[in-house]
PDB file of N, CA and C in Angstrom:
ATOM      1  N   UNK A   1      -2.822  21.229   1.783  1.00  0.00           N
ATOM      2  CA  UNK A   1      -2.677  19.977   1.050  1.00  0.00           C
ATOM      3  C   UNK A   1      -2.968  18.817   2.005  1.00  0.00           C
ATOM      4  N   UNK A   2      -3.887  17.946   1.600  1.00  0.00           N
ATOM      5  CA  UNK A   2      -4.210  16.768   2.399  1.00  0.00           C
ATOM      6  C   UNK A   2      -3.383  15.585   1.889  1.00  0.00           C
ATOM      7  N   UNK A   3      -2.666  14.950   2.828  1.00  0.00           N
ATOM      8  CA  UNK A   3      -1.784  13.836   2.487  1.00  0.00           C
ATOM      9  C   UNK A   3      -2.223  12.602   3.268  1.00  0.00           C
ATOM     10  N   UNK A   4      -2.272  11.460   2.586  1.00  0.00           N
ATOM     11  CA  UNK A   4      -2.582  10.183   3.223  1.00  0.00           C
ATOM     12  C   UNK A   4      -1.362   9.282   3.135  1.00  0.00           C
ATOM     13  N   UNK A   5      -1.164   8.479   4.166  1.00  0.00           N
ATOM     14  CA  UNK A   5      -0.108   7.465   4.161  1.00  0.00           C
ATOM     15  C   UNK A   5      -0.796   6.111   4.273  1.00  0.00           C
ATOM     16  N   UNK A   6      -0.481   5.226   3.356  1.00  0.00           N
ATOM     17  CA  UNK A   6      -1.099   3.899   3.318  1.00  0.00           C
ATOM     18  C   UNK A   6       0.007   2.855   3.428  1.00  0.00           C
ATOM     19  N   UNK A   7       0.273   2.360   4.637  1.00  0.00           N
ATOM     20  CA  UNK A   7       1.309   1.345   4.805  1.00  0.00           C
ATOM     21  C   UNK A   7       0.738  -0.065   4.642  1.00  0.00           C
ATOM     22  N   UNK A   8       1.575  -0.980   4.209  1.00  0.00           N
ATOM     23  CA  UNK A   8       1.160  -2.373   4.108  1.00  0.00           C
ATOM     24  C   UNK A   8       2.255  -3.226   3.506  1.00  0.00           C
ATOM     25  N   UNK A   9       2.078  -4.538   3.602  1.00  0.00           N
ATOM     26  CA  UNK A   9       3.044  -5.436   2.967  1.00  0.00           C
ATOM     27  C   UNK A   9       2.727  -5.594   1.484  1.00  0.00           C
ATOM     28  N   UNK A  10       1.445  -5.521   1.136  1.00  0.00           N
ATOM     29  CA  UNK A  10       1.012  -5.609  -0.268  1.00  0.00           C
ATOM     30  C   UNK A  10       1.667  -6.802  -0.967  1.00  0.00           C
ATOM     31  N   UNK A  11       1.652  -7.935  -0.295  1.00  0.00           N
ATOM     32  CA  UNK A  11       2.369  -9.110  -0.784  1.00  0.00           C
ATOM     33  C   UNK A  11       1.427 -10.301  -0.859  1.00  0.00           C
ATOM     34  N   UNK A  12       0.726 -10.448  -1.938  1.00  0.00           N
ATOM     35  CA  UNK A  12       0.754  -9.636  -3.152  1.00  0.00           C
ATOM     36  C   UNK A  12      -0.253  -8.490  -3.054  1.00  0.00           C
ATOM     37  N   UNK A  13      -0.081  -7.518  -3.925  1.00  0.00           N
ATOM     38  CA  UNK A  13      -1.061  -6.435  -3.989  1.00  0.00           C
ATOM     39  C   UNK A  13      -2.350  -6.995  -4.582  1.00  0.00           C
ATOM     40  N   UNK A  14      -3.469  -6.586  -4.040  1.00  0.00           N
ATOM     41  CA  UNK A  14      -4.760  -7.130  -4.479  1.00  0.00           C
ATOM     42  C   UNK A  14      -5.633  -6.028  -5.069  1.00  0.00           C
ATOM     43  N   UNK A  15      -6.733  -6.439  -5.667  1.00  0.00           N
ATOM     44  CA  UNK A  15      -7.697  -5.459  -6.176  1.00  0.00           C
ATOM     45  C   UNK A  15      -8.250  -4.605  -5.042  1.00  0.00           C
ATOM     46  N   UNK A  16      -8.342  -5.165  -3.848  1.00  0.00           N
ATOM     47  CA  UNK A  16      -8.802  -4.403  -2.690  1.00  0.00           C
ATOM     48  C   UNK A  16      -7.848  -3.272  -2.346  1.00  0.00           C
ATOM     49  N   UNK A  17      -6.536  -3.554  -2.416  1.00  0.00           N
ATOM     50  CA  UNK A  17      -5.536  -2.502  -2.180  1.00  0.00           C
ATOM     51  C   UNK A  17      -5.678  -1.391  -3.220  1.00  0.00           C
ATOM     52  N   UNK A  18      -5.795  -1.794  -4.473  1.00  0.00           N
ATOM     53  CA  UNK A  18      -5.929  -0.816  -5.566  1.00  0.00           C
ATOM     54  C   UNK A  18      -7.191   0.019  -5.371  1.00  0.00           C
ATOM     55  N   UNK A  19      -8.275  -0.629  -4.966  1.00  0.00           N
ATOM     56  CA  UNK A  19      -9.534   0.082  -4.744  1.00  0.00           C
ATOM     57  C   UNK A  19      -9.382   1.144  -3.655  1.00  0.00           C
ATOM     58  N   UNK A  20      -8.728   0.797  -2.568  1.00  0.00           N
ATOM     59  CA  UNK A  20      -8.512   1.764  -1.489  1.00  0.00           C
ATOM     60  C   UNK A  20      -7.689   2.942  -1.979  1.00  0.00           C
ATOM     61  N   UNK A  21      -6.636   2.670  -2.736  1.00  0.00           N
ATOM     62  CA  UNK A  21      -5.785   3.746  -3.262  1.00  0.00           C
ATOM     63  C   UNK A  21      -6.581   4.639  -4.209  1.00  0.00           C
ATOM     64  N   UNK A  22      -7.367   4.032  -5.086  1.00  0.00           N
ATOM     65  CA  UNK A  22      -8.163   4.819  -6.039  1.00  0.00           C
ATOM     66  C   UNK A  22      -9.194   5.685  -5.320  1.00  0.00           C
ATOM     67  N   UNK A  23      -9.878   5.121  -4.321  1.00  0.00           N
ATOM     68  CA  UNK A  23     -10.873   5.908  -3.594  1.00  0.00           C
ATOM     69  C   UNK A  23     -10.212   7.002  -2.769  1.00  0.00           C
ATOM     70  N   UNK A  24      -9.058   6.702  -2.200  1.00  0.00           N
ATOM     71  CA  UNK A  24      -8.339   7.717  -1.423  1.00  0.00           C
ATOM     72  C   UNK A  24      -7.873   8.861  -2.316  1.00  0.00           C
ATOM     73  N   UNK A  25      -7.586   8.557  -3.587  1.00  0.00           N
ATOM     74  CA  UNK A  25      -7.127   9.609  -4.503  1.00  0.00           C
ATOM     75  C   UNK A  25      -8.194  10.675  -4.733  1.00  0.00           C
ATOM     76  N   UNK A  26      -9.446  10.332  -4.470  1.00  0.00           N
ATOM     77  CA  UNK A  26     -10.529  11.308  -4.596  1.00  0.00           C
ATOM     78  C   UNK A  26     -10.639  12.202  -3.361  1.00  0.00           C
ATOM     79  N   UNK A  27     -10.055  11.752  -2.255  1.00  0.00           N
ATOM     80  CA  UNK A  27     -10.169  12.473  -0.988  1.00  0.00           C
ATOM     81  C   UNK A  27      -8.912  13.239  -0.597  1.00  0.00           C
ATOM     82  N   UNK A  28      -7.761  12.820  -1.134  1.00  0.00           N
ATOM     83  CA  UNK A  28      -6.482  13.402  -0.737  1.00  0.00           C
ATOM     84  C   UNK A  28      -5.753  13.970  -1.945  1.00  0.00           C
ATOM     85  N   UNK A  29      -4.917  14.975  -1.683  1.00  0.00           N
ATOM     86  CA  UNK A  29      -4.103  15.570  -2.740  1.00  0.00           C
ATOM     87  C   UNK A  29      -2.905  14.690  -3.077  1.00  0.00           C
ATOM     88  N   UNK A  30      -2.420  13.960  -2.082  1.00  0.00           N
ATOM     89  CA  UNK A  30      -1.231  13.122  -2.257  1.00  0.00           C
ATOM     90  C   UNK A  30      -1.406  11.870  -1.406  1.00  0.00           C
ATOM     91  N   UNK A  31      -1.028  10.717  -1.961  1.00  0.00           N
ATOM     92  CA  UNK A  31      -1.072   9.454  -1.229  1.00  0.00           C
ATOM     93  C   UNK A  31       0.325   8.857  -1.254  1.00  0.00           C
ATOM     94  N   UNK A  32       0.835   8.563  -0.083  1.00  0.00           N
ATOM     95  CA  UNK A  32       2.139   7.922   0.033  1.00  0.00           C
ATOM     96  C   UNK A  32       1.880   6.463   0.394  1.00  0.00           C
ATOM     97  N   UNK A  33       2.273   5.557  -0.488  1.00  0.00           N
ATOM     98  CA  UNK A  33       2.114   4.124  -0.250  1.00  0.00           C
ATOM     99  C   UNK A  33       3.468   3.602   0.201  1.00  0.00           C
ATOM    100  N   UNK A  34       3.508   3.062   1.418  1.00  0.00           N
ATOM    101  CA  UNK A  34       4.769   2.554   1.951  1.00  0.00           C
ATOM    102  C   UNK A  34       4.723   1.030   1.985  1.00  0.00           C
ATOM    103  N   UNK A  35       5.825   0.426   1.629  1.00  0.00           N
ATOM    104  CA  UNK A  35       5.942  -1.028   1.623  1.00  0.00           C
ATOM    105  C   UNK A  35       6.646  -1.454   2.902  1.00  0.00           C
ATOM    106  N   UNK A  36       5.984  -2.316   3.663  1.00  0.00           N
ATOM    107  CA  UNK A  36       6.534  -2.786   4.928  1.00  0.00           C
ATOM    108  C   UNK A  36       6.885  -4.269   4.817  1.00  0.00           C
ATOM    109  N   UNK A  37       7.714  -4.703   5.728  1.00  0.00           N
ATOM    110  CA  UNK A  37       8.066  -6.122   5.792  1.00  0.00           C
ATOM    111  C   UNK A  37       7.491  -6.696   7.079  1.00  0.00           C
ATOM    112  N   UNK A  38       6.836  -7.820   6.985  1.00  0.00           N
ATOM    113  CA  UNK A  38       6.287  -8.495   8.151  1.00  0.00           C
ATOM    114  C   UNK A  38       7.038  -9.806   8.307  1.00  0.00           C
ATOM    115  N   UNK A  39       7.893  -9.887   9.321  1.00  0.00           N
ATOM    116  CA  UNK A  39       8.715 -11.086   9.507  1.00  0.00           C
ATOM    117  C   UNK A  39       7.886 -12.291   9.940  1.00  0.00           C
ATOM    118  N   UNK A  40       6.634 -12.074  10.343  1.00  0.00           N
ATOM    119  CA  UNK A  40       5.761 -13.181  10.724  1.00  0.00           C
ATOM    120  C   UNK A  40       5.141 -13.862   9.507  1.00  0.00           C
ATOM    121  N   UNK A  41       5.271 -13.260   8.337  1.00  0.00           N
ATOM    122  CA  UNK A  41       4.716 -13.817   7.106  1.00  0.00           C
ATOM    123  C   UNK A  41       5.833 -14.351   6.215  1.00  0.00           C
ATOM    124  N   UNK A  42       5.500 -15.351   5.407  1.00  0.00           N
ATOM    125  CA  UNK A  42       6.419 -15.820   4.376  1.00  0.00           C
ATOM    126  C   UNK A  42       6.074 -15.058   3.102  1.00  0.00           C
ATOM    127  N   UNK A  43       6.967 -14.178   2.650  1.00  0.00           N
ATOM    128  CA  UNK A  43       6.624 -13.308   1.518  1.00  0.00           C
ATOM    129  C   UNK A  43       6.651 -14.034   0.174  1.00  0.00           C
ATOM    130  N   UNK A  44       5.797 -13.576  -0.742  1.00  0.00           N
ATOM    131  CA  UNK A  44       5.847 -14.021  -2.131  1.00  0.00           C
ATOM    132  C   UNK A  44       6.966 -13.286  -2.863  1.00  0.00           C
ATOM    133  N   UNK A  45       7.164 -12.011  -2.508  1.00  0.00           N
ATOM    134  CA  UNK A  45       8.151 -11.161  -3.160  1.00  0.00           C
ATOM    135  C   UNK A  45       9.078 -10.564  -2.116  1.00  0.00           C
ATOM    136  N   UNK A  46      10.308 -10.268  -2.516  1.00  0.00           N
ATOM    137  CA  UNK A  46      11.221  -9.560  -1.623  1.00  0.00           C
ATOM    138  C   UNK A  46      10.841  -8.083  -1.614  1.00  0.00           C
ATOM    139  N   UNK A  47      11.337  -7.338  -0.644  1.00  0.00           N
ATOM    140  CA  UNK A  47      11.066  -5.897  -0.582  1.00  0.00           C
ATOM    141  C   UNK A  47      11.565  -5.217  -1.852  1.00  0.00           C
ATOM    142  N   UNK A  48      12.702  -5.672  -2.379  1.00  0.00           N
ATOM    143  CA  UNK A  48      13.273  -5.075  -3.585  1.00  0.00           C
ATOM    144  C   UNK A  48      12.377  -5.301  -4.803  1.00  0.00           C
ATOM    145  N   UNK A  49      11.736  -6.482  -4.861  1.00  0.00           N
ATOM    146  CA  UNK A  49      10.872  -6.778  -6.014  1.00  0.00           C
ATOM    147  C   UNK A  49       9.630  -5.924  -5.977  1.00  0.00           C
TER     148      UNK A  49
END
């Protein structure tokens, strides 16, 4: 089983992020998208949102 991990703040999530996930879904059996916090950025959304 091929697994990919895609970390990012995704704040906000963009069409580019979605495109990467969709293309990766053709190459991997499972994709784990992790939400990270970057204290150097002012977030639009909280981690909980």
